[in-house]
Protein backbone atom coordinates (compact mmCIF):
# COMPACT_ATOMS: atom_id res chain seq x y z
CA MET A 1 55.68 28.10 -43.44
CA SER A 2 53.74 31.05 -41.87
CA CYS A 3 53.07 31.44 -38.16
CA LEU A 4 49.39 31.05 -38.96
CA SER A 5 49.97 27.74 -40.66
CA LYS A 6 52.02 26.52 -37.67
CA TYR A 7 49.22 27.48 -35.26
CA ALA A 8 46.66 25.84 -37.56
CA LEU A 9 48.57 22.67 -37.71
CA ALA A 10 49.05 22.72 -33.96
CA ALA A 11 45.36 23.22 -33.46
CA ILE A 12 44.59 20.32 -35.76
CA GLY A 13 47.00 18.20 -33.74
CA VAL A 14 45.36 19.15 -30.47
CA LEU A 15 41.92 18.35 -31.95
CA ALA A 16 43.16 14.98 -33.19
CA MET A 17 44.52 14.13 -29.78
CA ALA A 18 41.22 15.16 -28.15
CA GLY A 19 39.37 12.96 -30.66
CA ALA A 20 41.52 10.06 -29.76
CA VAL A 21 40.94 10.50 -26.10
CA ASN A 22 37.19 10.82 -26.53
CA ALA A 23 37.16 7.66 -28.70
CA ALA A 24 38.86 5.79 -25.79
CA ASP A 25 36.45 7.17 -23.17
CA PRO A 26 34.45 4.25 -21.72
CA VAL A 27 30.85 3.54 -22.57
CA LYS A 28 29.44 3.69 -19.10
CA ILE A 29 26.50 1.49 -18.20
CA GLY A 30 24.87 2.33 -14.98
CA VAL A 31 23.59 -0.52 -12.89
CA THR A 32 21.31 -0.66 -9.87
CA MET A 33 20.65 -3.91 -8.01
CA PRO A 34 20.02 -4.84 -4.37
CA LEU A 35 23.61 -5.26 -3.16
CA THR A 36 22.77 -5.25 0.54
CA GLY A 37 19.91 -6.87 2.53
CA ASN A 38 18.01 -10.15 2.19
CA ILE A 39 18.16 -10.44 -1.58
CA ALA A 40 21.60 -9.09 -2.11
CA PHE A 41 22.83 -12.48 -3.17
CA ASP A 42 20.52 -12.45 -6.21
CA GLY A 43 21.49 -8.91 -7.03
CA GLN A 44 25.24 -9.69 -6.86
CA ASN A 45 24.70 -12.77 -9.05
CA THR A 46 23.13 -10.52 -11.58
CA VAL A 47 26.01 -8.16 -11.62
CA ASN A 48 28.43 -11.09 -11.87
CA GLY A 49 26.66 -12.11 -15.12
CA MET A 50 26.96 -8.56 -16.43
CA GLN A 51 30.65 -8.67 -15.79
CA ILE A 52 30.97 -11.69 -18.03
CA ALA A 53 29.39 -9.71 -20.86
CA VAL A 54 31.63 -6.71 -20.24
CA LYS A 55 34.75 -8.87 -20.42
CA GLN A 56 33.66 -10.54 -23.69
CA ILE A 57 32.80 -7.16 -25.28
CA ASN A 58 36.04 -5.53 -24.17
CA ASP A 59 38.15 -8.43 -25.29
CA ALA A 60 36.49 -8.09 -28.67
CA GLY A 61 37.34 -4.39 -28.94
CA GLY A 62 34.54 -2.74 -26.91
CA ILE A 63 31.58 -0.85 -28.25
CA LEU A 64 32.46 1.18 -31.33
CA GLY A 65 36.08 0.98 -30.26
CA ARG A 66 35.41 2.19 -26.73
CA PRO A 67 35.79 0.05 -23.60
CA VAL A 68 32.74 -0.74 -21.56
CA ALA A 69 32.62 0.08 -17.81
CA LEU A 70 29.86 -0.79 -15.34
CA VAL A 71 28.81 1.72 -12.71
CA PRO A 72 26.98 -0.34 -10.04
CA LEU A 73 24.92 1.24 -7.26
CA ASP A 74 22.88 -0.36 -4.49
CA ASP A 75 19.17 0.24 -4.78
CA LYS A 76 18.46 -1.82 -1.55
CA ALA A 77 15.32 -3.23 -3.18
CA ASN A 78 13.70 0.11 -2.17
CA PRO A 79 11.83 2.27 -4.81
CA GLU A 80 13.12 5.58 -3.27
CA GLU A 81 16.72 4.36 -3.22
CA GLY A 82 16.30 3.03 -6.80
CA VAL A 83 15.11 6.33 -8.10
CA ASN A 84 17.87 8.21 -6.31
CA ALA A 85 20.36 5.82 -7.84
CA VAL A 86 19.26 6.27 -11.49
CA LYS A 87 19.14 10.07 -10.95
CA ARG A 88 22.69 9.95 -9.77
CA LEU A 89 23.74 7.78 -12.70
CA MET A 90 22.31 10.23 -15.13
CA SER A 91 23.34 13.51 -13.52
CA GLU A 92 26.67 12.71 -11.86
CA GLU A 93 28.04 9.61 -13.66
CA LYS A 94 26.70 10.64 -17.16
CA VAL A 95 26.15 7.05 -18.11
CA ASN A 96 25.31 6.06 -21.66
CA ALA A 97 22.66 3.47 -20.59
CA ILE A 98 21.15 1.93 -17.44
CA ALA A 99 20.48 -1.76 -16.63
CA SER A 100 18.55 -2.01 -13.43
CA ALA A 101 15.84 -3.42 -11.10
CA LEU A 102 15.44 -6.85 -9.61
CA ASN A 103 12.25 -5.76 -7.86
CA SER A 104 9.12 -4.62 -9.68
CA SER A 105 8.41 -1.73 -7.29
CA VAL A 106 11.89 -0.39 -7.92
CA GLY A 107 11.55 -0.78 -11.70
CA MET A 108 8.17 0.84 -11.76
CA ALA A 109 9.46 3.97 -9.98
CA GLN A 110 12.74 4.06 -11.93
CA VAL A 111 11.28 4.12 -15.46
CA ASP A 112 9.18 7.15 -14.51
CA ALA A 113 12.46 8.89 -13.54
CA THR A 114 14.37 7.90 -16.68
CA ASN A 115 11.55 8.41 -19.18
CA GLY A 116 12.82 9.99 -22.39
CA LYS A 117 16.39 10.63 -20.93
CA VAL A 118 18.56 7.53 -21.44
CA LEU A 119 18.35 4.00 -22.72
CA HIS A 120 16.97 1.93 -19.86
CA VAL A 121 16.99 -1.84 -19.71
CA ILE A 122 15.01 -3.43 -16.99
CA VAL A 123 16.80 -6.65 -15.98
CA LEU A 124 14.55 -8.77 -13.76
CA ALA A 125 11.60 -6.77 -12.51
CA SER A 126 8.66 -8.45 -14.11
CA ALA A 127 5.44 -6.52 -13.32
CA PRO A 128 3.69 -6.19 -16.74
CA ALA A 129 2.97 -2.48 -16.01
CA ILE A 130 6.62 -1.50 -16.37
CA THR A 131 6.65 -2.00 -20.16
CA GLU A 132 2.89 -1.33 -20.53
CA LYS A 133 3.72 2.27 -19.81
CA GLY A 134 5.14 2.38 -23.26
CA TYR A 135 8.15 4.56 -22.62
CA PRO A 136 10.21 4.60 -25.78
CA ASN A 137 13.55 4.40 -23.93
CA VAL A 138 12.67 1.32 -21.86
CA PHE A 139 13.24 -2.27 -22.62
CA ARG A 140 13.04 -5.45 -20.50
CA VAL A 141 15.19 -8.62 -20.86
CA ASN A 142 13.01 -10.72 -18.52
CA THR A 143 9.57 -12.10 -19.30
CA THR A 144 6.65 -10.58 -17.54
CA SER A 145 5.15 -12.04 -14.42
CA SER A 146 1.94 -12.71 -16.38
CA SER A 147 3.60 -14.54 -19.24
CA LYS A 148 5.50 -16.71 -16.74
CA GLU A 149 2.48 -17.33 -14.53
CA GLU A 150 0.04 -18.08 -17.28
CA PRO A 151 1.32 -21.63 -17.82
CA LEU A 152 1.27 -22.28 -14.02
CA ILE A 153 -2.26 -20.77 -13.61
CA SER A 154 -3.49 -23.09 -16.40
CA TYR A 155 -1.56 -26.14 -15.18
CA MET A 156 -2.53 -25.75 -11.49
CA LYS A 157 -6.22 -25.10 -12.24
CA ASP A 158 -6.96 -28.79 -12.52
CA LYS A 159 -4.23 -30.01 -10.07
CA VAL A 160 -5.14 -28.17 -6.84
CA ARG A 161 -8.33 -27.61 -4.98
CA LYS A 162 -7.67 -25.25 -2.07
CA PRO A 163 -4.25 -23.51 -2.35
CA ALA A 164 -2.70 -20.98 -0.08
CA LEU A 165 -0.60 -18.15 -1.50
CA LEU A 166 2.39 -16.50 0.29
CA LEU A 167 3.63 -13.50 -1.60
CA THR A 168 6.06 -10.55 -1.37
CA ASN A 169 4.32 -7.31 -0.15
CA ASP A 170 5.05 -5.24 -3.24
CA ASP A 171 3.65 -4.49 -6.69
CA TYR A 172 4.91 -7.87 -7.89
CA GLY A 173 3.26 -9.92 -5.15
CA ARG A 174 0.00 -8.06 -5.33
CA GLY A 175 -0.06 -8.42 -9.05
CA LEU A 176 0.42 -12.15 -8.76
CA LEU A 177 -2.59 -12.48 -6.41
CA GLU A 178 -4.70 -10.64 -8.89
CA MET A 179 -3.52 -12.84 -11.73
CA TYR A 180 -4.47 -16.04 -9.85
CA GLU A 181 -7.81 -14.63 -8.74
CA GLN A 182 -8.73 -13.69 -12.34
CA GLY A 183 -7.26 -16.86 -13.83
CA TRP A 184 -9.31 -19.07 -11.49
CA ALA A 185 -12.43 -16.97 -11.42
CA ASP A 186 -14.25 -19.33 -13.78
CA GLY A 187 -14.51 -22.57 -11.97
CA GLY A 188 -10.94 -22.78 -10.71
CA PRO A 189 -9.54 -23.68 -7.27
CA GLU A 190 -10.75 -21.85 -4.15
CA ILE A 191 -7.87 -19.82 -2.64
CA ALA A 192 -7.68 -20.81 1.03
CA SER A 193 -5.68 -17.84 2.08
CA SER A 194 -3.33 -15.11 0.73
CA ASP A 195 -0.67 -13.43 2.81
CA PHE A 196 2.06 -10.89 2.10
CA PHE A 197 5.52 -10.65 3.72
CA GLN A 198 8.17 -7.95 3.66
CA LEU A 199 11.48 -8.49 1.84
CA THR A 200 13.30 -7.83 5.14
CA GLU A 201 11.58 -10.71 7.04
CA THR A 202 13.28 -13.86 8.12
CA ASN A 203 10.66 -15.43 10.43
CA PHE A 204 7.66 -16.72 8.48
CA LEU A 205 6.21 -18.97 11.18
CA PRO A 206 3.28 -16.60 11.89
CA TYR A 207 2.23 -16.77 8.23
CA LEU A 208 2.82 -20.53 7.92
CA THR A 209 0.88 -21.26 11.13
CA LYS A 210 -2.11 -19.39 9.81
CA ILE A 211 -1.81 -21.23 6.46
CA LYS A 212 -1.65 -24.51 8.25
CA PHE A 213 -4.91 -23.82 9.99
CA ALA A 214 -6.57 -23.09 6.55
CA GLU A 215 -5.76 -26.78 5.66
CA PRO A 216 -4.66 -26.10 2.03
CA ASP A 217 -3.82 -28.89 -0.35
CA ALA A 218 -1.24 -26.72 -2.10
CA LEU A 219 1.11 -23.83 -1.37
CA TYR A 220 2.35 -21.19 -3.82
CA VAL A 221 5.33 -19.08 -2.59
CA ALA A 222 6.63 -16.08 -4.44
CA ALA A 223 10.08 -15.35 -2.95
CA GLN A 224 13.74 -14.99 -3.83
CA ALA A 225 16.24 -17.70 -3.12
CA VAL A 226 17.12 -17.24 0.60
CA GLN A 227 13.59 -16.40 1.70
CA LEU A 228 12.08 -19.28 -0.26
CA THR A 229 14.35 -21.90 1.36
CA THR A 230 13.66 -20.36 4.79
CA ILE A 231 9.93 -20.57 4.16
CA LEU A 232 10.00 -24.21 3.06
CA LYS A 233 12.20 -25.30 5.98
CA GLN A 234 10.02 -23.44 8.51
CA ALA A 235 6.91 -25.08 6.93
CA THR A 236 8.47 -28.49 7.45
CA GLN A 237 9.27 -27.60 11.10
CA ILE A 238 5.54 -26.97 11.88
CA GLY A 239 4.29 -29.90 9.89
CA LEU A 240 2.81 -27.99 6.98
CA ASP A 241 3.13 -30.51 4.18
CA PRO A 242 0.77 -29.67 1.25
CA GLU A 243 0.51 -32.14 -1.61
CA THR A 244 1.76 -29.52 -4.13
CA ILE A 245 4.17 -26.65 -3.88
CA TRP A 246 4.92 -24.24 -6.67
CA THR A 247 6.86 -21.01 -7.01
CA VAL A 248 8.21 -18.32 -9.36
CA GLY A 249 10.76 -19.47 -11.87
CA ALA A 250 13.79 -17.51 -10.76
CA SER A 251 13.53 -19.07 -7.40
CA ILE A 252 14.51 -22.43 -8.72
CA ASN A 253 18.19 -21.97 -9.06
CA PRO A 254 21.37 -23.79 -7.89
CA THR A 255 21.69 -21.66 -4.70
CA THR A 256 18.11 -22.43 -3.75
CA LEU A 257 18.54 -26.04 -4.54
CA LYS A 258 21.67 -26.31 -2.33
CA LEU A 259 20.21 -24.32 0.58
CA GLY A 260 16.84 -25.97 0.46
CA GLY A 261 17.86 -29.60 0.03
CA ASP A 262 15.05 -32.07 -0.04
CA THR A 263 12.47 -29.43 0.63
CA LEU A 264 12.73 -28.34 -3.00
CA ASN A 265 12.00 -31.82 -4.51
CA GLY A 266 8.71 -31.88 -6.33
CA VAL A 267 8.40 -28.07 -6.41
CA ILE A 268 7.00 -26.85 -9.76
CA SER A 269 7.70 -23.62 -11.59
CA SER A 270 7.67 -21.85 -14.89
CA GLU A 271 10.96 -20.72 -16.46
CA ASN A 272 12.71 -19.48 -19.62
CA TYR A 273 16.17 -20.77 -18.54
CA ILE A 274 17.74 -23.78 -16.98
CA PRO A 275 21.47 -24.59 -17.09
CA ALA A 276 20.85 -27.74 -19.01
CA LEU A 277 19.59 -25.97 -22.15
CA GLU A 278 21.55 -27.16 -25.13
CA ASN A 279 22.50 -24.42 -27.54
CA ASP A 280 25.72 -22.82 -28.63
CA ALA A 281 25.17 -19.53 -26.79
CA ASN A 282 24.51 -21.29 -23.57
CA LYS A 283 27.68 -23.35 -24.03
CA THR A 284 29.76 -20.15 -24.73
CA PHE A 285 28.34 -18.35 -21.76
CA THR A 286 28.77 -21.33 -19.36
CA GLU A 287 32.41 -21.77 -20.36
CA ALA A 288 33.10 -18.06 -19.86
CA PHE A 289 31.33 -17.98 -16.55
CA ARG A 290 33.19 -21.01 -15.19
CA ALA A 291 36.44 -19.49 -16.19
CA GLU A 292 35.67 -16.41 -14.08
CA TYR A 293 33.70 -18.01 -11.26
CA PRO A 294 34.84 -21.64 -11.03
CA GLN A 295 33.24 -22.18 -7.61
CA GLU A 296 29.77 -20.84 -8.54
CA PRO A 297 27.07 -22.81 -10.41
CA VAL A 298 25.47 -21.01 -13.40
CA GLN A 299 21.90 -19.78 -12.74
CA PHE A 300 19.14 -17.65 -14.12
CA TYR A 301 20.25 -14.38 -12.55
CA HIS A 302 23.69 -14.63 -14.13
CA VAL A 303 22.25 -15.21 -17.53
CA VAL A 304 19.65 -12.40 -17.48
CA GLY A 305 22.32 -9.93 -16.19
CA TYR A 306 24.62 -11.10 -19.08
CA ASP A 307 21.87 -10.63 -21.63
CA SER A 308 21.07 -7.09 -20.41
CA ILE A 309 24.56 -5.92 -21.28
CA LYS A 310 24.83 -7.81 -24.49
CA VAL A 311 21.67 -6.33 -26.03
CA ILE A 312 22.79 -2.86 -25.09
CA ALA A 313 26.18 -3.43 -26.79
CA LEU A 314 24.67 -4.95 -29.88
CA ALA A 315 22.11 -2.09 -30.25
CA MET A 316 24.75 0.56 -29.85
CA GLU A 317 26.93 -1.11 -32.48
CA ALA A 318 23.96 -1.37 -34.84
CA ALA A 319 23.01 2.28 -34.23
CA GLY A 320 26.52 3.50 -34.62
CA THR A 321 26.36 5.54 -31.44
CA ALA A 322 26.61 5.04 -27.69
CA ASP A 323 25.12 8.45 -26.93
CA ASP A 324 21.91 8.87 -28.86
CA TRP A 325 19.39 6.74 -26.94
CA GLU A 326 16.71 7.24 -29.64
CA LYS A 327 18.82 5.73 -32.35
CA ILE A 328 19.87 2.86 -29.92
CA ALA A 329 16.25 2.21 -29.04
CA ALA A 330 15.38 1.98 -32.71
CA ALA A 331 18.13 -0.57 -33.18
CA MET A 332 16.91 -2.52 -30.19
CA HIS A 333 13.49 -2.94 -31.83
CA GLU A 334 15.15 -4.53 -34.84
CA LEU A 335 17.55 -6.76 -32.76
CA SER A 336 17.47 -10.53 -32.89
CA TYR A 337 20.00 -11.89 -30.33
CA GLU A 338 21.00 -15.47 -29.73
CA SER A 339 20.90 -15.68 -25.96
CA PRO A 340 21.79 -18.65 -23.71
CA ARG A 341 18.00 -18.72 -23.20
CA GLY A 342 17.08 -18.72 -26.90
CA THR A 343 16.43 -16.16 -29.54
CA ILE A 344 15.56 -12.72 -28.04
CA THR A 345 13.59 -10.02 -29.76
CA PHE A 346 11.46 -7.14 -28.42
CA ASP A 347 7.94 -6.06 -29.16
CA GLU A 348 6.80 -2.48 -29.86
CA LYS A 349 6.71 -1.63 -26.12
CA GLY A 350 10.27 -2.94 -25.50
CA GLN A 351 9.17 -6.19 -23.92
CA LEU A 352 11.29 -9.27 -24.50
CA LYS A 353 9.63 -12.10 -26.42
CA LEU A 354 10.80 -15.50 -25.31
CA GLU A 355 9.28 -18.95 -24.71
CA THR A 356 8.58 -20.09 -21.18
CA PHE A 357 8.22 -23.71 -20.07
CA LEU A 358 7.21 -25.64 -16.89
CA ILE A 359 9.90 -27.23 -14.77
CA HIS A 360 9.90 -29.36 -11.59
CA VAL A 361 12.66 -30.36 -9.17
CA VAL A 362 13.64 -34.04 -9.25
CA ASP A 363 16.51 -35.35 -7.05
CA GLY A 364 17.71 -31.84 -6.45
CA ALA A 365 17.80 -30.71 -10.12
CA PRO A 366 15.36 -28.79 -12.31
CA GLN A 367 13.88 -30.74 -15.21
CA VAL A 368 11.36 -29.76 -17.94
CA LEU A 369 7.96 -30.91 -16.87
CA GLU A 370 5.99 -32.93 -19.37
CA LYS A 371 2.35 -31.82 -19.15
């Protein structure tokens, strides 16, 4: 054998080893969620759900034979922090995809930063404008605030007369007020008051005292778990007891129900998931979740986080690549995935299509509300 042949064989061997190493490199999915601050609990729950999906995918051989690794960063529910986080994930971590955003203001800013650069799945942020931008790399695994609120706007139109609205001071909260004003413009209830609070606040008595003087017959609160329960308890303390209370769907979860106690009974919402849903995917997810987190009850945030990673993995497998976001995005548009929440598909703008339904809390548990 000539020296040239030996070197050629050696080179081939090196290339083969390099190929094997590259094939084993993890598929990195960057994650940003609020992991500190008032809503860190919900952000961490979402990441915990993602970890269940990662374990299932890796136990089944990974994505295209490569293991999956999450790269989580704290966006602090702040748009500037969120943008810095996705930029770091793209430039420093070289992630293959991003799953991010609990807050709409964060999601709105992030998709501008990732436009045309990497597959980006918005996990929870629900402002319609996020997917209305039409960025080809952006998908969302939550329903929009408008699609979730429409059943409530319609249902409440004939049930309340003079409601007060207490909302988060961000794109999401302001968008909700606009939706209710427009939805009730034609002979609907007269809004008694509308107030906005910061995500960092813990004392809501000034808002609630003002609301009490407006004498509303109903109260709508848009807040995450800890803040919602604080608001309802403080309302009880000052004797604010409206006939009807309703809230955003994600707020009705086991944590809120435990923290809020009797203050949650009778509260109405709109949702696309409750743990009692009976389908094979929900049973599989619930069993896997309880095996990893036996002390935690299953809730919405877990499931949506789980779904965000599952759809990324399925689309990469279908596309035959974890690196070409355009091919992965094309596969996402063709995807039909059996989620614990039901069958998930995406429209032409990357928005999830999924049925929502009304629920109410009875004896500390969410139940489907019969209209």
